[in-house]
C-alpha atoms as a PDB file:
ATOM      1  CA  MET A   1    -177.304  99.148 -32.937  1.00  0.00           C
ATOM      2  CA  ALA A   2    -176.080 101.804 -30.456  1.00  0.00           C
ATOM      3  CA  ILE A   3    -178.547 103.160 -27.977  1.00  0.00           C
ATOM      4  CA  LEU A   4    -178.258 106.919 -27.121  1.00  0.00           C
ATOM      5  CA  ARG A   5    -179.209 108.255 -23.771  1.00  0.00           C
ATOM      6  CA  LYS A   6    -178.244 111.589 -22.304  1.00  0.00           C
ATOM      7  CA  VAL A   7    -176.999 111.638 -18.503  1.00  0.00           C
ATOM      8  CA  VAL A   8    -176.968 115.486 -17.512  1.00  0.00           C
ATOM      9  CA  ILE A   9    -174.255 115.560 -14.669  1.00  0.00           C
ATOM     10  CA  GLY A  10    -173.768 118.729 -12.701  1.00  0.00           C
ATOM     11  CA  PHE A  11    -170.447 120.430 -11.885  1.00  0.00           C
ATOM     12  CA  LEU A  12    -167.782 118.246 -10.385  1.00  0.00           C
ATOM     13  CA  LEU A  13    -167.770 118.398  -6.498  1.00  0.00           C
ATOM     14  CA  GLY A  14    -164.712 116.454  -5.921  1.00  0.00           C
ATOM     15  CA  LEU A  15    -162.803 117.065  -2.403  1.00  0.00           C
ATOM     16  CA  PRO A  16    -159.276 118.087  -3.194  1.00  0.00           C
ATOM     17  CA  LEU A  17    -156.890 115.683  -1.507  1.00  0.00           C
ATOM     18  CA  LYS A  18    -153.749 117.520  -0.775  1.00  0.00           C
ATOM     19  CA  GLY A  19    -150.501 115.798  -0.704  1.00  0.00           C
ATOM     20  CA  PHE A  20    -152.715 112.532  -1.137  1.00  0.00           C
ATOM     21  CA  THR A  21    -153.801 112.680   2.768  1.00  0.00           C
ATOM     22  CA  GLN A  22    -154.829 109.246   4.327  1.00  0.00           C
ATOM     23  CA  GLY A  23    -158.173 109.318   6.159  1.00  0.00           C
ATOM     24  CA  GLU A  24    -160.173 111.983   4.276  1.00  0.00           C
ATOM     25  CA  GLN A  25    -163.240 110.740   2.685  1.00  0.00           C
ATOM     26  CA  LEU A  26    -163.395 111.422  -1.105  1.00  0.00           C
ATOM     27  CA  ARG A  27    -166.168 112.715  -2.935  1.00  0.00           C
ATOM     28  CA  SER A  28    -166.894 111.556  -6.699  1.00  0.00           C
ATOM     29  CA  GLU A  29    -169.350 112.473  -9.470  1.00  0.00           C
ATOM     30  CA  LYS A  30    -171.039 109.064 -10.688  1.00  0.00           C
ATOM     31  CA  TRP A  31    -171.266 109.364 -14.418  1.00  0.00           C
ATOM     32  CA  GLY A  32    -173.912 107.025 -16.205  1.00  0.00           C
ATOM     33  CA  LYS A  33    -175.197 105.418 -12.805  1.00  0.00           C
ATOM     34  CA  GLY A  34    -178.064 103.597 -13.896  1.00  0.00           C
ATOM     35  CA  ALA A  35    -177.849 104.309 -17.514  1.00  0.00           C
ATOM     36  CA  GLY A  36    -177.514 100.372 -18.485  1.00  0.00           C
ATOM     37  CA  MET A  37    -173.844  99.998 -17.823  1.00  0.00           C
ATOM     38  CA  MET A  38    -172.779  96.534 -17.090  1.00  0.00           C
ATOM     39  CA  ASN A  39    -169.854  95.303 -14.971  1.00  0.00           C
ATOM     40  CA  VAL A  40    -167.483  98.201 -16.023  1.00  0.00           C
ATOM     41  CA  GLU A  41    -163.879  97.400 -16.291  1.00  0.00           C
ATOM     42  CA  SER A  42    -161.513  99.882 -17.792  1.00  0.00           C
ATOM     43  CA  VAL A  43    -161.772 103.698 -18.860  1.00  0.00           C
ATOM     44  CA  VAL A  44    -159.623 105.477 -21.204  1.00  0.00           C
ATOM     45  CA  PHE A  45    -159.416 109.397 -22.052  1.00  0.00           C
ATOM     46  CA  ASP A  46    -159.340 110.875 -25.545  1.00  0.00           C
ATOM     47  CA  THR A  47    -157.230 113.678 -25.073  1.00  0.00           C
ATOM     48  CA  LYS A  48    -157.706 114.560 -28.945  1.00  0.00           C
ATOM     49  CA  ASN A  49    -161.837 114.550 -28.773  1.00  0.00           C
ATOM     50  CA  ASN A  50    -162.209 114.967 -25.241  1.00  0.00           C
ATOM     51  CA  ASN A  51    -164.183 111.853 -24.844  1.00  0.00           C
ATOM     52  CA  LEU A  52    -163.858 108.887 -22.421  1.00  0.00           C
ATOM     53  CA  TYR A  53    -164.511 105.112 -23.496  1.00  0.00           C
ATOM     54  CA  VAL A  54    -165.865 102.655 -20.708  1.00  0.00           C
ATOM     55  CA  SER A  55    -165.489  98.429 -21.463  1.00  0.00           C
ATOM     56  CA  ASN A  56    -168.729  96.587 -20.446  1.00  0.00           C
ATOM     57  CA  GLY A  57    -169.650  93.029 -20.535  1.00  0.00           C
ATOM     58  CA  GLU A  58    -171.285  90.115 -19.057  1.00  0.00           C
ATOM     59  CA  ASN A  59    -169.135  86.726 -18.586  1.00  0.00           C
ATOM     60  CA  TYR A  60    -165.304  86.611 -19.368  1.00  0.00           C
ATOM     61  CA  ALA A  61    -165.789  84.361 -22.362  1.00  0.00           C
ATOM     62  CA  PRO A  62    -166.219  84.576 -26.226  1.00  0.00           C
ATOM     63  CA  GLY A  63    -169.831  85.913 -27.105  1.00  0.00           C
ATOM     64  CA  THR A  64    -171.464  89.202 -28.228  1.00  0.00           C
ATOM     65  CA  LYS A  65    -172.780  90.788 -25.122  1.00  0.00           C
ATOM     66  CA  GLY A  66    -169.767  93.124 -24.652  1.00  0.00           C
ATOM     67  CA  PHE A  67    -169.818  96.740 -25.505  1.00  0.00           C
ATOM     68  CA  ILE A  68    -167.957 100.124 -24.960  1.00  0.00           C
ATOM     69  CA  SER A  69    -169.788 103.269 -23.481  1.00  0.00           C
ATOM     70  CA  LYS A  70    -169.061 106.731 -24.688  1.00  0.00           C
ATOM     71  CA  PHE A  71    -169.054 109.957 -22.652  1.00  0.00           C
ATOM     72  CA  ASN A  72    -167.946 113.161 -23.371  1.00  0.00           C
ATOM     73  CA  ALA A  73    -165.644 115.357 -20.811  1.00  0.00           C
ATOM     74  CA  ASN A  74    -168.779 117.061 -19.418  1.00  0.00           C
ATOM     75  CA  GLY A  75    -170.090 113.465 -18.064  1.00  0.00           C
ATOM     76  CA  GLU A  76    -172.697 113.125 -20.907  1.00  0.00           C
ATOM     77  CA  LEU A  77    -173.154 109.558 -22.091  1.00  0.00           C
ATOM     78  CA  ASP A  78    -173.148 109.912 -25.671  1.00  0.00           C
ATOM     79  CA  ALA A  79    -173.588 106.433 -26.392  1.00  0.00           C
ATOM     80  CA  LEU A  80    -174.379 103.399 -23.992  1.00  0.00           C
ATOM     81  CA  LYS A  81    -173.349 101.056 -26.691  1.00  0.00           C
ATOM     82  CA  TRP A  82    -171.050 102.949 -28.983  1.00  0.00           C
ATOM     83  CA  VAL A  83    -169.439  99.781 -30.159  1.00  0.00           C
ATOM     84  CA  ASP A  84    -171.390  96.484 -29.511  1.00  0.00           C
ATOM     85  CA  LYS A  85    -171.141  92.574 -29.906  1.00  0.00           C
ATOM     86  CA  LEU A  86    -167.740  92.415 -28.400  1.00  0.00           C
ATOM     87  CA  SER A  87    -167.033  89.665 -26.228  1.00  0.00           C
ATOM     88  CA  ARG A  88    -166.250  91.057 -22.671  1.00  0.00           C
ATOM     89  CA  PRO A  89    -163.830  93.976 -23.413  1.00  0.00           C
ATOM     90  CA  THR A  90    -161.562  94.905 -20.726  1.00  0.00           C
ATOM     91  CA  GLY A  91    -158.463  96.829 -20.991  1.00  0.00           C
ATOM     92  CA  MET A  92    -158.038  99.745 -23.542  1.00  0.00           C
ATOM     93  CA  ALA A  93    -155.297 102.119 -24.668  1.00  0.00           C
ATOM     94  CA  ILE A  94    -155.644 104.490 -27.599  1.00  0.00           C
ATOM     95  CA  HIS A  95    -152.962 105.240 -30.194  1.00  0.00           C
ATOM     96  CA  ASN A  96    -153.116 106.972 -33.608  1.00  0.00           C
ATOM     97  CA  ASP A  97    -156.862 107.479 -33.331  1.00  0.00           C
ATOM     98  CA  GLN A  98    -157.325 104.013 -32.669  1.00  0.00           C
ATOM     99  CA  LEU A  99    -158.999 102.510 -29.523  1.00  0.00           C
ATOM    100  CA  TRP A 100    -157.164  99.148 -28.915  1.00  0.00           C
ATOM    101  CA  VAL A 101    -159.383  96.838 -26.844  1.00  0.00           C
ATOM    102  CA  VAL A 102    -158.624  93.618 -25.073  1.00  0.00           C
ATOM    103  CA  ASP A 103    -161.534  91.374 -25.744  1.00  0.00           C
ATOM    104  CA  VAL A 104    -161.259  87.909 -23.806  1.00  0.00           C
ATOM    105  CA  ASP A 105    -158.739  85.816 -26.557  1.00  0.00           C
ATOM    106  CA  GLN A 106    -158.390  89.071 -29.115  1.00  0.00           C
ATOM    107  CA  LEU A 107    -156.762  92.334 -29.282  1.00  0.00           C
ATOM    108  CA  LYS A 108    -159.117  94.246 -31.227  1.00  0.00           C
ATOM    109  CA  VAL A 109    -158.435  97.938 -32.999  1.00  0.00           C
ATOM    110  CA  ILE A 110    -161.283 100.208 -33.391  1.00  0.00           C
ATOM    111  CA  ASP A 111    -161.146 103.023 -35.631  1.00  0.00           C
ATOM    112  CA  LEU A 112    -162.384 106.165 -33.677  1.00  0.00           C
ATOM    113  CA  THR A 113    -163.600 108.231 -36.228  1.00  0.00           C
ATOM    114  CA  ILE A 114    -166.356 105.585 -37.422  1.00  0.00           C
ATOM    115  CA  GLY A 115    -166.752 103.394 -34.592  1.00  0.00           C
ATOM    116  CA  LYS A 116    -165.984  99.946 -36.113  1.00  0.00           C
ATOM    117  CA  VAL A 117    -163.489  97.169 -35.302  1.00  0.00           C
ATOM    118  CA  VAL A 118    -160.999  97.183 -38.201  1.00  0.00           C
ATOM    119  CA  LYS A 119    -158.281  94.867 -37.195  1.00  0.00           C
ATOM    120  CA  SER A 120    -158.157  91.743 -34.603  1.00  0.00           C
ATOM    121  CA  TYR A 121    -155.058  90.077 -33.350  1.00  0.00           C
ATOM    122  CA  PRO A 122    -155.644  86.461 -31.582  1.00  0.00           C
ATOM    123  CA  GLU A 123    -153.932  85.204 -28.452  1.00  0.00           C
ATOM    124  CA  PRO A 124    -150.953  83.225 -29.016  1.00  0.00           C
ATOM    125  CA  VAL A 125    -152.044  80.487 -26.814  1.00  0.00           C
ATOM    126  CA  GLU A 126    -155.280  79.392 -25.895  1.00  0.00           C
ATOM    127  CA  HIS A 127    -156.826  80.393 -22.635  1.00  0.00           C
ATOM    128  CA  SER A 128    -154.149  83.001 -21.895  1.00  0.00           C
ATOM    129  CA  ALA A 129    -156.616  85.392 -20.369  1.00  0.00           C
ATOM    130  CA  LEU A 130    -155.906  88.623 -22.044  1.00  0.00           C
ATOM    131  CA  ASN A 131    -156.338  91.253 -19.575  1.00  0.00           C
ATOM    132  CA  ASP A 132    -154.860  94.807 -20.395  1.00  0.00           C
ATOM    133  CA  VAL A 133    -153.056  96.805 -23.096  1.00  0.00           C
ATOM    134  CA  ALA A 134    -150.695  99.379 -23.000  1.00  0.00           C
ATOM    135  CA  ILE A 135    -148.740 101.557 -25.698  1.00  0.00           C
ATOM    136  CA  ASN A 136    -145.704 103.463 -25.376  1.00  0.00           C
ATOM    137  CA  PRO A 137    -144.978 106.717 -27.604  1.00  0.00           C
ATOM    138  CA  LYS A 138    -142.874 104.699 -29.825  1.00  0.00           C
ATOM    139  CA  GLY A 139    -145.997 102.964 -30.907  1.00  0.00           C
ATOM    140  CA  GLU A 140    -144.764  99.419 -29.188  1.00  0.00           C
ATOM    141  CA  VAL A 141    -147.944  97.516 -27.987  1.00  0.00           C
ATOM    142  CA  PHE A 142    -147.887  95.326 -24.692  1.00  0.00           C
ATOM    143  CA  VAL A 143    -150.783  93.123 -23.502  1.00  0.00           C
ATOM    144  CA  THR A 144    -150.984  90.968 -20.148  1.00  0.00           C
ATOM    145  CA  ALA A 145    -151.788  87.607 -19.912  1.00  0.00           C
ATOM    146  CA  SER A 146    -153.220  86.848 -16.578  1.00  0.00           C
ATOM    147  CA  PHE A 147    -153.262  82.736 -16.572  1.00  0.00           C
ATOM    148  CA  GLU A 148    -149.426  82.786 -18.414  1.00  0.00           C
ATOM    149  CA  HIS A 149    -148.164  85.381 -15.943  1.00  0.00           C
ATOM    150  CA  ALA A 150    -146.859  86.997 -18.806  1.00  0.00           C
ATOM    151  CA  VAL A 151    -146.619  90.198 -21.210  1.00  0.00           C
ATOM    152  CA  PHE A 152    -147.225  89.477 -24.940  1.00  0.00           C
ATOM    153  CA  LYS A 153    -145.696  92.143 -27.399  1.00  0.00           C
ATOM    154  CA  LEU A 154    -146.837  92.713 -30.740  1.00  0.00           C
ATOM    155  CA  GLU A 155    -144.766  92.057 -33.467  1.00  0.00           C
ATOM    156  CA  GLY A 156    -146.026  92.825 -37.271  1.00  0.00           C
ATOM    157  CA  ASP A 157    -149.438  90.906 -37.202  1.00  0.00           C
ATOM    158  CA  THR A 158    -148.628  88.668 -34.382  1.00  0.00           C
ATOM    159  CA  LEU A 159    -148.941  88.745 -30.446  1.00  0.00           C
ATOM    160  CA  LYS A 160    -145.966  86.941 -29.101  1.00  0.00           C
ATOM    161  CA  PHE A 161    -144.414  85.929 -25.763  1.00  0.00           C
ATOM    162  CA  TRP A 162    -142.199  88.617 -24.544  1.00  0.00           C
ATOM    163  CA  VAL A 163    -141.882  88.421 -21.042  1.00  0.00           C
ATOM    164  CA  GLN A 164    -142.890  85.514 -18.600  1.00  0.00           C
ATOM    165  CA  ASP A 165    -142.310  85.083 -14.946  1.00  0.00           C
ATOM    166  CA  LYS A 166    -144.613  82.969 -12.837  1.00  0.00           C
ATOM    167  CA  LYS A 167    -143.180  84.794  -9.681  1.00  0.00           C
ATOM    168  CA  ARG A 168    -142.700  88.447 -10.538  1.00  0.00           C
ATOM    169  CA  LEU A 169    -145.584  88.684 -13.312  1.00  0.00           C
ATOM    170  CA  LYS A 170    -148.064  86.486 -11.192  1.00  0.00           C
ATOM    171  CA  TRP A 171    -151.567  87.160 -12.319  1.00  0.00           C
ATOM    172  CA  ALA A 172    -150.614  90.156 -14.700  1.00  0.00           C
ATOM    173  CA  ASN A 173    -153.407  92.474 -14.877  1.00  0.00           C
ATOM    174  CA  GLY A 174    -152.720  96.309 -15.310  1.00  0.00           C
ATOM    175  CA  ILE A 175    -149.963  97.637 -17.544  1.00  0.00           C
ATOM    176  CA  PHE A 176    -148.461 100.971 -18.629  1.00  0.00           C
ATOM    177  CA  ALA A 177    -145.481 101.513 -21.036  1.00  0.00           C
ATOM    178  CA  THR A 178    -143.035 103.887 -21.580  1.00  0.00           C
ATOM    179  CA  ASP A 179    -140.015 104.430 -23.714  1.00  0.00           C
ATOM    180  CA  HIS A 180    -138.042 102.429 -21.420  1.00  0.00           C
ATOM    181  CA  GLU A 181    -139.860 100.622 -19.005  1.00  0.00           C
ATOM    182  CA  VAL A 182    -143.374  98.667 -19.185  1.00  0.00           C
ATOM    183  CA  TRP A 183    -145.070  98.652 -15.390  1.00  0.00           C
ATOM    184  CA  VAL A 184    -147.172  95.615 -14.486  1.00  0.00           C
ATOM    185  CA  GLY A 185    -149.622  95.278 -11.738  1.00  0.00           C
ATOM    186  CA  GLY A 186    -150.824  91.769 -10.724  1.00  0.00           C
ATOM    187  CA  ALA A 187    -150.232  90.178  -7.402  1.00  0.00           C
ATOM    188  CA  TRP A 188    -147.366  92.258  -7.467  1.00  0.00           C
ATOM    189  CA  PHE A 189    -145.977  95.890  -8.713  1.00  0.00           C
ATOM    190  CA  SER A 190    -143.198  95.215 -11.301  1.00  0.00           C
ATOM    191  CA  ALA A 191    -141.284  97.191 -14.008  1.00  0.00           C
ATOM    192  CA  ILE A 192    -139.767  95.579 -17.201  1.00  0.00           C
ATOM    193  CA  ASN A 193    -136.876  97.114 -18.784  1.00  0.00           C
ATOM    194  CA  ILE A 194    -137.301  97.274 -22.401  1.00  0.00           C
ATOM    195  CA  ASP A 195    -134.122  96.852 -23.497  1.00  0.00           C
ATOM    196  CA  THR A 196    -132.849  93.939 -21.625  1.00  0.00           C
ATOM    197  CA  LYS A 197    -136.222  92.443 -20.296  1.00  0.00           C
ATOM    198  CA  GLU A 198    -134.808  92.902 -16.609  1.00  0.00           C
ATOM    199  CA  ILE A 199    -137.588  92.724 -14.324  1.00  0.00           C
ATOM    200  CA  ARG A 200    -137.478  95.089 -10.876  1.00  0.00           C
ATOM    201  CA  GLU A 201    -139.954  95.150  -8.279  1.00  0.00           C
ATOM    202  CA  ILE A 202    -141.643  98.509  -7.582  1.00  0.00           C
ATOM    203  CA  LYS A 203    -141.728  98.636  -3.638  1.00  0.00           C
ATOM    204  CA  SER A 204    -144.402  99.766  -1.373  1.00  0.00           C
ATOM    205  CA  ASN A 205    -144.868 100.468   2.246  1.00  0.00           C
ATOM    206  CA  PRO A 206    -147.462  99.238   3.512  1.00  0.00           C
ATOM    207  CA  PRO A 207    -147.419  96.680   0.766  1.00  0.00           C
ATOM    208  CA  ILE A 208    -149.984  96.895  -2.204  1.00  0.00           C
ATOM    209  CA  GLN A 209    -150.709  93.813  -3.871  1.00  0.00           C
ATOM    210  CA  ASP A 210    -153.545  92.686  -6.235  1.00  0.00           C
ATOM    211  CA  ILE A 211    -153.327  95.656  -8.647  1.00  0.00           C
ATOM    212  CA  ASP A 212    -155.662  96.080 -11.363  1.00  0.00           C
ATOM    213  CA  GLY A 213    -155.440  99.626 -12.630  1.00  0.00           C
ATOM    214  CA  LEU A 214    -152.250 101.882 -12.662  1.00  0.00           C
ATOM    215  CA  TRP A 215    -151.152 105.139 -13.617  1.00  0.00           C
ATOM    216  CA  PRO A 216    -148.362 107.562 -13.203  1.00  0.00           C
ATOM    217  CA  ASP A 217    -149.707 110.448 -10.773  1.00  0.00           C
ATOM    218  CA  GLY A 218    -147.920 113.051 -13.336  1.00  0.00           C
ATOM    219  CA  LYS A 219    -144.993 113.772 -11.190  1.00  0.00           C
ATOM    220  CA  VAL A 220    -143.113 110.576 -10.316  1.00  0.00           C
ATOM    221  CA  GLY A 221    -145.440 108.434  -8.439  1.00  0.00           C
ATOM    222  CA  TYR A 222    -148.558 106.370  -8.934  1.00  0.00           C
ATOM    223  CA  ILE A 223    -152.082 105.891  -8.692  1.00  0.00           C
ATOM    224  CA  LEU A 224    -153.521 102.396  -8.326  1.00  0.00           C
ATOM    225  CA  SER A 225    -156.416 100.237  -7.600  1.00  0.00           C
ATOM    226  CA  THR A 226    -156.821  96.776  -6.126  1.00  0.00           C
ATOM    227  CA  VAL A 227    -158.889  93.865  -6.734  1.00  0.00           C
ATOM    228  CA  ASP A 228    -158.736  91.986  -3.481  1.00  0.00           C
ATOM    229  CA  GLY A 229    -160.456  94.230  -0.624  1.00  0.00           C
ATOM    230  CA  SER A 230    -161.013  96.514  -3.773  1.00  0.00           C
ATOM    231  CA  SER A 231    -159.340 100.024  -3.040  1.00  0.00           C
ATOM    232  CA  LEU A 232    -157.622 102.775  -4.170  1.00  0.00           C
ATOM    233  CA  TRP A 233    -153.894 104.102  -3.337  1.00  0.00           C
ATOM    234  CA  HIS A 234    -150.982 106.701  -4.117  1.00  0.00           C
ATOM    235  CA  LEU A 235    -147.539 105.583  -4.298  1.00  0.00           C
ATOM    236  CA  ASP A 236    -144.863 107.942  -4.194  1.00  0.00           C
ATOM    237  CA  ALA A 237    -141.129 107.526  -5.312  1.00  0.00           C
ATOM    238  CA  GLN A 238    -140.084 106.656  -2.177  1.00  0.00           C
ATOM    239  CA  GLY A 239    -142.272 104.020  -1.989  1.00  0.00           C
ATOM    240  CA  LYS A 240    -144.427 105.163   0.608  1.00  0.00           C
ATOM    241  CA  SER A 241    -148.047 104.098   0.088  1.00  0.00           C
ATOM    242  CA  THR A 242    -151.110 106.015   0.935  1.00  0.00           C
ATOM    243  CA  LEU A 243    -154.865 104.560   1.031  1.00  0.00           C
ATOM    244  CA  LEU A 244    -156.933 106.727  -0.627  1.00  0.00           C
ATOM    245  CA  GLU A 245    -160.362 104.962  -0.307  1.00  0.00           C
ATOM    246  CA  GLN A 246    -161.473 101.251   0.340  1.00  0.00           C
ATOM    247  CA  GLY A 247    -164.749  99.025   0.576  1.00  0.00           C
ATOM    248  CA  GLY A 248    -168.116 100.061  -0.791  1.00  0.00           C
ATOM    249  CA  ASP A 249    -168.339  99.887  -4.866  1.00  0.00           C
ATOM    250  CA  TYR A 250    -165.252  97.980  -6.451  1.00  0.00           C
ATOM    251  CA  PHE A 251    -162.904 100.078  -8.245  1.00  0.00           C
ATOM    252  CA  GLY A 252    -161.998  99.102 -11.757  1.00  0.00           C
ATOM    253  CA  ASP A 253    -158.931  99.857 -13.901  1.00  0.00           C
ATOM    254  CA  LEU A 254    -158.547 103.373 -14.114  1.00  0.00           C
ATOM    255  CA  GLN A 255    -156.789 106.475 -15.861  1.00  0.00           C
ATOM    256  CA  TYR A 256    -155.484 109.737 -14.260  1.00  0.00           C
ATOM    257  CA  VAL A 257    -155.266 112.859 -16.218  1.00  0.00           C
ATOM    258  CA  PRO A 258    -153.002 115.514 -14.449  1.00  0.00           C
ATOM    259  CA  GLU A 259    -153.656 118.333 -16.753  1.00  0.00           C
ATOM    260  CA  ASN A 260    -156.921 118.597 -15.305  1.00  0.00           C
ATOM    261  CA  THR A 261    -156.086 116.593 -12.006  1.00  0.00           C
ATOM    262  CA  LEU A 262    -159.046 114.361 -12.410  1.00  0.00           C
ATOM    263  CA  LEU A 263    -159.034 110.513 -11.865  1.00  0.00           C
ATOM    264  CA  TYR A 264    -161.618 108.430 -13.774  1.00  0.00           C
ATOM    265  CA  VAL A 265    -162.259 105.050 -12.261  1.00  0.00           C
ATOM    266  CA  PRO A 266    -165.219 102.436 -13.167  1.00  0.00           C
ATOM    267  CA  ARG A 267    -166.789 101.159 -10.428  1.00  0.00           C
ATOM    268  CA  GLY A 268    -169.899  99.223  -9.641  1.00  0.00           C
ATOM    269  CA  ASP A 269    -171.903  96.604  -7.259  1.00  0.00           C
ATOM    270  CA  HIS A 270    -172.498  93.225  -8.575  1.00  0.00           C
ATOM    271  CA  LYS A 271    -175.037  92.177  -6.518  1.00  0.00           C
ATOM    272  CA  GLU A 272    -177.005  95.558  -6.858  1.00  0.00           C
ATOM    273  CA  LYS A 273    -176.153  95.457 -10.607  1.00  0.00           C
ATOM    274  CA  ARG A 274    -174.985  99.219  -9.836  1.00  0.00           C
ATOM    275  CA  TYR A 275    -172.274 100.247 -12.290  1.00  0.00           C
ATOM    276  CA  TYR A 276    -170.898 103.966 -13.264  1.00  0.00           C
ATOM    277  CA  LEU A 277    -167.865 106.291 -14.012  1.00  0.00           C
ATOM    278  CA  ALA A 278    -166.661 107.747 -10.897  1.00  0.00           C
ATOM    279  CA  VAL A 279    -164.705 111.028 -11.453  1.00  0.00           C
ATOM    280  CA  PHE A 280    -162.508 112.246  -8.651  1.00  0.00           C
ATOM    281  CA  LYS A 281    -160.701 115.645  -7.868  1.00  0.00           C
ATOM    282  CA  LEU A 282    -157.107 114.792  -6.501  1.00  0.00           C
ATOM    283  CA  GLU A 283    -155.090 117.787  -6.014  1.00  0.00           C
ATOM    284  CA  GLN A 284    -151.297 117.246  -5.463  1.00  0.00           C
ATOM    285  CA  PRO A 285    -149.239 120.189  -3.567  1.00  0.00           C
END
């Protein structure tokens, strides 16, 4: 049963970060702090319904303790456990009024209108460590598999190996898909040509490694979060990387919404069991 709880958040007090200048301390709102979220991992923004969904879970294993929290755009937690009894949901994407969720060993589809799982696609090999999902404007579905250093693609009703590379896709994690390329973060940051499957490195200076979340900045750059040394970065089109923030609570998978210049990132501290959705205001020149 979903637990309903309201968390009233005041006006967003984000510090504008002109040109993503390094060294300025970011401020953020902390949505849902103390409301019962658990090991928050990923967030997705529903532009049609003006909602956000955050994945929660306990251990990365099949089970029933995972759930998805639902926020409205004002920061109110409409439902702590909007969809529950999942295993341990991680990456998510929205397409055609459906929320696609990676859930340990399956890719699950949730109907946004009824909040129910309506379809599941099992991993093609056991213990592949499904991690994140991306859907491009053509409707092509791609899923990272960390233990396989690979990207799977949904073909019909089956997830199949699409591209595997133990070096360039090492620990494949965050993913974003366009009509022409699939961007993959992991040990490295790479782009896969959809037509040729050729992999190119997206270089950064200083180097950004162990990438979790990735999202375009609305221009020609990227906003990235990392697992190792949990940090938040901006990478421009020339390969210049700017450290926005590092240390403190961990950064999860993220989404940037250029229309309102807001960056949404799940954050937390496992020792203190402190979890929330951080919302940053980022203004570009």
